[in-house]
């Protein structure tokens, strides 16, 4: 699967249904040694006043190991207690 094919998919937390934007708006954190995706860095809308706040340092990293499913419209991850 190519990145261009999944860029418009929404990133959603399985535990509470919270949306974290689209993959196209995320940063991919790559493990340079192994050439694999280590995490997705996305905007954390939970405490920032949603879309109308200024874009600041409200970022959260979603480890790739938490990604559970890449569906036709969404990417589902399951958060942990320390997320």
N, C-alpha and C. Protein backbone atom coordinates (compact mmCIF):
# COMPACT_ATOMS: atom_id res chain seq x y z
N UNK A 1 0.84 -1.17 0.00
CA UNK A 1 0.00 0.00 0.00
C UNK A 1 0.89 1.24 0.00
N UNK A 2 0.56 2.19 -0.84
CA UNK A 2 1.33 3.42 -0.94
C UNK A 2 0.80 4.48 0.02
N UNK A 3 1.70 5.35 0.47
CA UNK A 3 1.29 6.43 1.37
C UNK A 3 0.23 7.31 0.73
N UNK A 4 0.32 7.54 -0.56
CA UNK A 4 -0.67 8.38 -1.25
C UNK A 4 -2.07 7.76 -1.21
N UNK A 5 -2.15 6.45 -1.05
CA UNK A 5 -3.43 5.77 -0.98
C UNK A 5 -4.09 5.87 0.39
N UNK A 6 -3.31 6.15 1.42
CA UNK A 6 -3.88 6.21 2.76
C UNK A 6 -3.85 7.61 3.37
N UNK A 7 -3.37 8.59 2.64
CA UNK A 7 -3.20 9.94 3.17
C UNK A 7 -4.46 10.62 3.63
N UNK A 8 -5.60 10.32 3.02
CA UNK A 8 -6.85 10.98 3.39
C UNK A 8 -7.60 10.27 4.51
N UNK A 9 -7.07 9.20 5.00
CA UNK A 9 -7.75 8.43 6.05
C UNK A 9 -7.67 9.17 7.39
N UNK A 10 -8.77 9.13 8.14
CA UNK A 10 -8.82 9.71 9.48
C UNK A 10 -8.12 8.78 10.46
N UNK A 11 -7.45 9.36 11.44
CA UNK A 11 -6.80 8.59 12.50
C UNK A 11 -7.73 8.65 13.71
N UNK A 12 -8.19 7.47 14.18
CA UNK A 12 -9.21 7.40 15.22
C UNK A 12 -8.77 6.46 16.34
N UNK A 13 -9.03 6.89 17.58
CA UNK A 13 -8.72 6.08 18.75
C UNK A 13 -9.86 5.09 18.98
N UNK A 14 -9.55 3.83 19.02
CA UNK A 14 -10.54 2.77 19.22
C UNK A 14 -11.23 2.89 20.58
N UNK A 15 -10.51 3.32 21.60
CA UNK A 15 -11.07 3.35 22.96
C UNK A 15 -12.18 4.37 23.14
N UNK A 16 -12.06 5.55 22.54
CA UNK A 16 -13.07 6.58 22.78
C UNK A 16 -13.61 7.24 21.51
N UNK A 17 -13.16 6.79 20.34
CA UNK A 17 -13.65 7.34 19.08
C UNK A 17 -13.10 8.71 18.74
N UNK A 18 -12.15 9.21 19.53
CA UNK A 18 -11.56 10.52 19.30
C UNK A 18 -10.80 10.53 17.99
N UNK A 19 -10.98 11.61 17.21
CA UNK A 19 -10.29 11.75 15.93
C UNK A 19 -9.04 12.59 16.10
N UNK A 20 -7.98 12.20 15.41
CA UNK A 20 -6.71 12.88 15.48
C UNK A 20 -6.28 13.40 14.12
N UNK A 21 -7.22 13.77 13.27
CA UNK A 21 -6.91 14.32 11.96
C UNK A 21 -6.68 13.26 10.91
N UNK A 22 -6.14 13.70 9.79
CA UNK A 22 -5.87 12.80 8.67
C UNK A 22 -4.39 12.42 8.66
N UNK A 23 -4.10 11.30 8.08
CA UNK A 23 -2.72 10.86 7.98
C UNK A 23 -1.89 11.87 7.17
N UNK A 24 -2.50 12.50 6.18
CA UNK A 24 -1.77 13.48 5.37
C UNK A 24 -1.28 14.66 6.20
N UNK A 25 -1.92 14.92 7.34
CA UNK A 25 -1.52 16.03 8.21
C UNK A 25 -0.56 15.58 9.30
N UNK A 26 -0.28 14.31 9.39
CA UNK A 26 0.61 13.76 10.42
C UNK A 26 2.05 13.73 9.93
N UNK A 27 2.94 13.65 10.88
CA UNK A 27 4.35 13.45 10.58
C UNK A 27 4.67 11.98 10.84
N UNK A 28 5.39 11.36 9.95
CA UNK A 28 5.83 9.99 10.16
C UNK A 28 7.19 10.01 10.83
N UNK A 29 7.32 9.32 11.93
CA UNK A 29 8.60 9.19 12.62
C UNK A 29 9.20 7.86 12.16
N UNK A 30 10.32 7.94 11.46
CA UNK A 30 10.94 6.77 10.85
C UNK A 30 12.16 6.33 11.65
N UNK A 31 12.28 5.04 11.86
CA UNK A 31 13.48 4.47 12.44
C UNK A 31 14.49 4.36 11.31
N UNK A 32 15.46 5.24 11.31
CA UNK A 32 16.42 5.30 10.20
C UNK A 32 17.28 4.05 10.09
N UNK A 33 17.54 3.40 11.20
CA UNK A 33 18.37 2.20 11.18
C UNK A 33 17.69 1.06 10.43
N UNK A 34 16.36 0.90 10.67
CA UNK A 34 15.64 -0.22 10.07
C UNK A 34 14.71 0.18 8.93
N UNK A 35 14.52 1.49 8.71
CA UNK A 35 13.67 1.96 7.62
C UNK A 35 12.19 1.67 7.82
N UNK A 36 11.76 1.64 9.08
CA UNK A 36 10.36 1.34 9.38
C UNK A 36 9.72 2.53 10.09
N UNK A 37 8.40 2.61 9.97
CA UNK A 37 7.67 3.65 10.67
C UNK A 37 7.67 3.31 12.16
N UNK A 38 8.12 4.25 12.97
CA UNK A 38 8.17 4.06 14.42
C UNK A 38 6.92 4.63 15.08
N UNK A 39 6.43 5.79 14.56
CA UNK A 39 5.27 6.44 15.17
C UNK A 39 4.67 7.45 14.21
N UNK A 40 3.46 7.87 14.54
CA UNK A 40 2.80 8.98 13.86
C UNK A 40 2.77 10.14 14.83
N UNK A 41 3.17 11.32 14.39
CA UNK A 41 3.06 12.50 15.23
C UNK A 41 1.88 13.31 14.70
N UNK A 42 0.86 13.49 15.54
CA UNK A 42 -0.37 14.15 15.12
C UNK A 42 -0.69 15.28 16.10
N UNK A 43 -1.56 16.16 15.67
CA UNK A 43 -2.01 17.24 16.53
C UNK A 43 -2.97 16.67 17.57
N UNK A 44 -2.79 17.09 18.80
CA UNK A 44 -3.65 16.64 19.89
C UNK A 44 -4.74 17.68 20.11
N UNK A 45 -5.94 17.40 19.61
CA UNK A 45 -7.05 18.33 19.72
C UNK A 45 -7.77 18.24 21.06
N UNK A 46 -7.44 17.28 21.88
CA UNK A 46 -8.21 17.02 23.10
C UNK A 46 -8.26 18.20 24.06
N UNK A 47 -7.17 18.94 24.21
CA UNK A 47 -7.14 20.04 25.18
C UNK A 47 -6.80 21.38 24.53
N UNK A 48 -7.00 21.50 23.25
CA UNK A 48 -6.54 22.71 22.58
C UNK A 48 -7.65 23.57 22.01
N UNK A 49 -8.89 23.31 22.35
CA UNK A 49 -9.96 24.12 21.80
C UNK A 49 -10.32 23.74 20.38
N UNK A 50 -9.99 22.54 20.01
CA UNK A 50 -10.30 22.00 18.69
C UNK A 50 -9.63 22.78 17.56
N UNK A 51 -10.29 22.86 16.44
CA UNK A 51 -9.68 23.37 15.21
C UNK A 51 -9.44 24.88 15.23
N UNK A 52 -10.05 25.60 16.16
CA UNK A 52 -9.96 27.05 16.13
C UNK A 52 -8.80 27.61 16.93
N UNK A 53 -8.05 26.77 17.59
CA UNK A 53 -6.90 27.25 18.35
C UNK A 53 -5.69 27.35 17.42
N UNK A 54 -4.70 28.10 17.85
CA UNK A 54 -3.50 28.25 17.03
C UNK A 54 -2.71 26.95 17.06
N UNK A 55 -2.01 26.67 15.98
CA UNK A 55 -1.24 25.44 15.89
C UNK A 55 0.04 25.62 16.68
N UNK A 56 0.17 24.94 17.77
CA UNK A 56 1.33 25.09 18.62
C UNK A 56 2.01 23.77 18.85
N UNK A 57 2.42 23.57 20.07
CA UNK A 57 3.17 22.37 20.41
C UNK A 57 2.26 21.26 20.91
N UNK A 58 0.99 21.33 20.63
CA UNK A 58 0.04 20.30 21.06
C UNK A 58 0.13 19.10 20.13
N UNK A 59 1.23 18.38 20.26
CA UNK A 59 1.48 17.21 19.43
C UNK A 59 1.50 15.97 20.30
N UNK A 60 1.11 14.86 19.72
CA UNK A 60 1.17 13.59 20.42
C UNK A 60 1.74 12.55 19.45
N UNK A 61 2.56 11.66 19.98
CA UNK A 61 3.11 10.57 19.16
C UNK A 61 2.31 9.31 19.40
N UNK A 62 1.88 8.71 18.32
CA UNK A 62 1.17 7.43 18.38
C UNK A 62 2.14 6.36 17.89
N UNK A 63 2.63 5.52 18.79
CA UNK A 63 3.55 4.46 18.35
C UNK A 63 2.88 3.56 17.31
N UNK A 64 3.63 3.18 16.31
CA UNK A 64 3.09 2.34 15.24
C UNK A 64 2.55 1.02 15.79
N UNK A 65 3.10 0.58 16.88
CA UNK A 65 2.64 -0.68 17.49
C UNK A 65 1.19 -0.57 17.99
N UNK A 66 0.67 0.64 18.18
CA UNK A 66 -0.72 0.82 18.62
C UNK A 66 -1.71 0.82 17.47
N UNK A 67 -1.21 0.87 16.22
CA UNK A 67 -2.11 0.84 15.06
C UNK A 67 -2.69 -0.56 14.96
N UNK A 68 -4.03 -0.63 14.99
CA UNK A 68 -4.71 -1.93 14.97
C UNK A 68 -5.25 -2.29 13.60
N UNK A 69 -5.69 -1.29 12.83
CA UNK A 69 -6.32 -1.59 11.54
C UNK A 69 -6.25 -0.36 10.65
N UNK A 70 -5.94 -0.60 9.38
CA UNK A 70 -6.04 0.43 8.36
C UNK A 70 -7.19 0.02 7.47
N UNK A 71 -8.31 0.72 7.62
CA UNK A 71 -9.53 0.40 6.87
C UNK A 71 -9.66 1.24 5.62
N UNK A 72 -10.83 1.20 5.01
CA UNK A 72 -11.05 1.94 3.77
C UNK A 72 -11.11 3.45 4.00
N UNK A 73 -11.58 3.88 5.18
CA UNK A 73 -11.72 5.31 5.47
C UNK A 73 -10.93 5.79 6.67
N UNK A 74 -10.55 4.88 7.56
CA UNK A 74 -9.90 5.30 8.79
C UNK A 74 -8.72 4.41 9.15
N UNK A 75 -7.87 4.98 10.00
CA UNK A 75 -6.77 4.23 10.63
C UNK A 75 -7.13 4.17 12.11
N UNK A 76 -7.23 2.97 12.64
CA UNK A 76 -7.66 2.79 14.02
C UNK A 76 -6.44 2.41 14.87
N UNK A 77 -6.29 3.14 15.98
CA UNK A 77 -5.28 2.76 16.95
C UNK A 77 -5.94 2.61 18.31
N UNK A 78 -5.30 1.84 19.18
CA UNK A 78 -5.83 1.63 20.53
C UNK A 78 -4.85 2.23 21.52
N UNK A 79 -5.31 3.26 22.22
CA UNK A 79 -4.43 3.96 23.14
C UNK A 79 -4.19 3.15 24.41
N UNK A 80 -3.13 3.51 25.10
CA UNK A 80 -2.80 2.89 26.37
C UNK A 80 -3.11 3.90 27.47
N UNK A 81 -2.98 3.50 28.71
CA UNK A 81 -3.27 4.39 29.83
C UNK A 81 -2.35 5.62 29.84
N UNK A 82 -1.12 5.49 29.39
CA UNK A 82 -0.17 6.61 29.43
C UNK A 82 -0.16 7.42 28.14
N UNK A 83 -1.10 7.23 27.29
CA UNK A 83 -1.16 7.94 26.01
C UNK A 83 -1.52 9.39 26.22
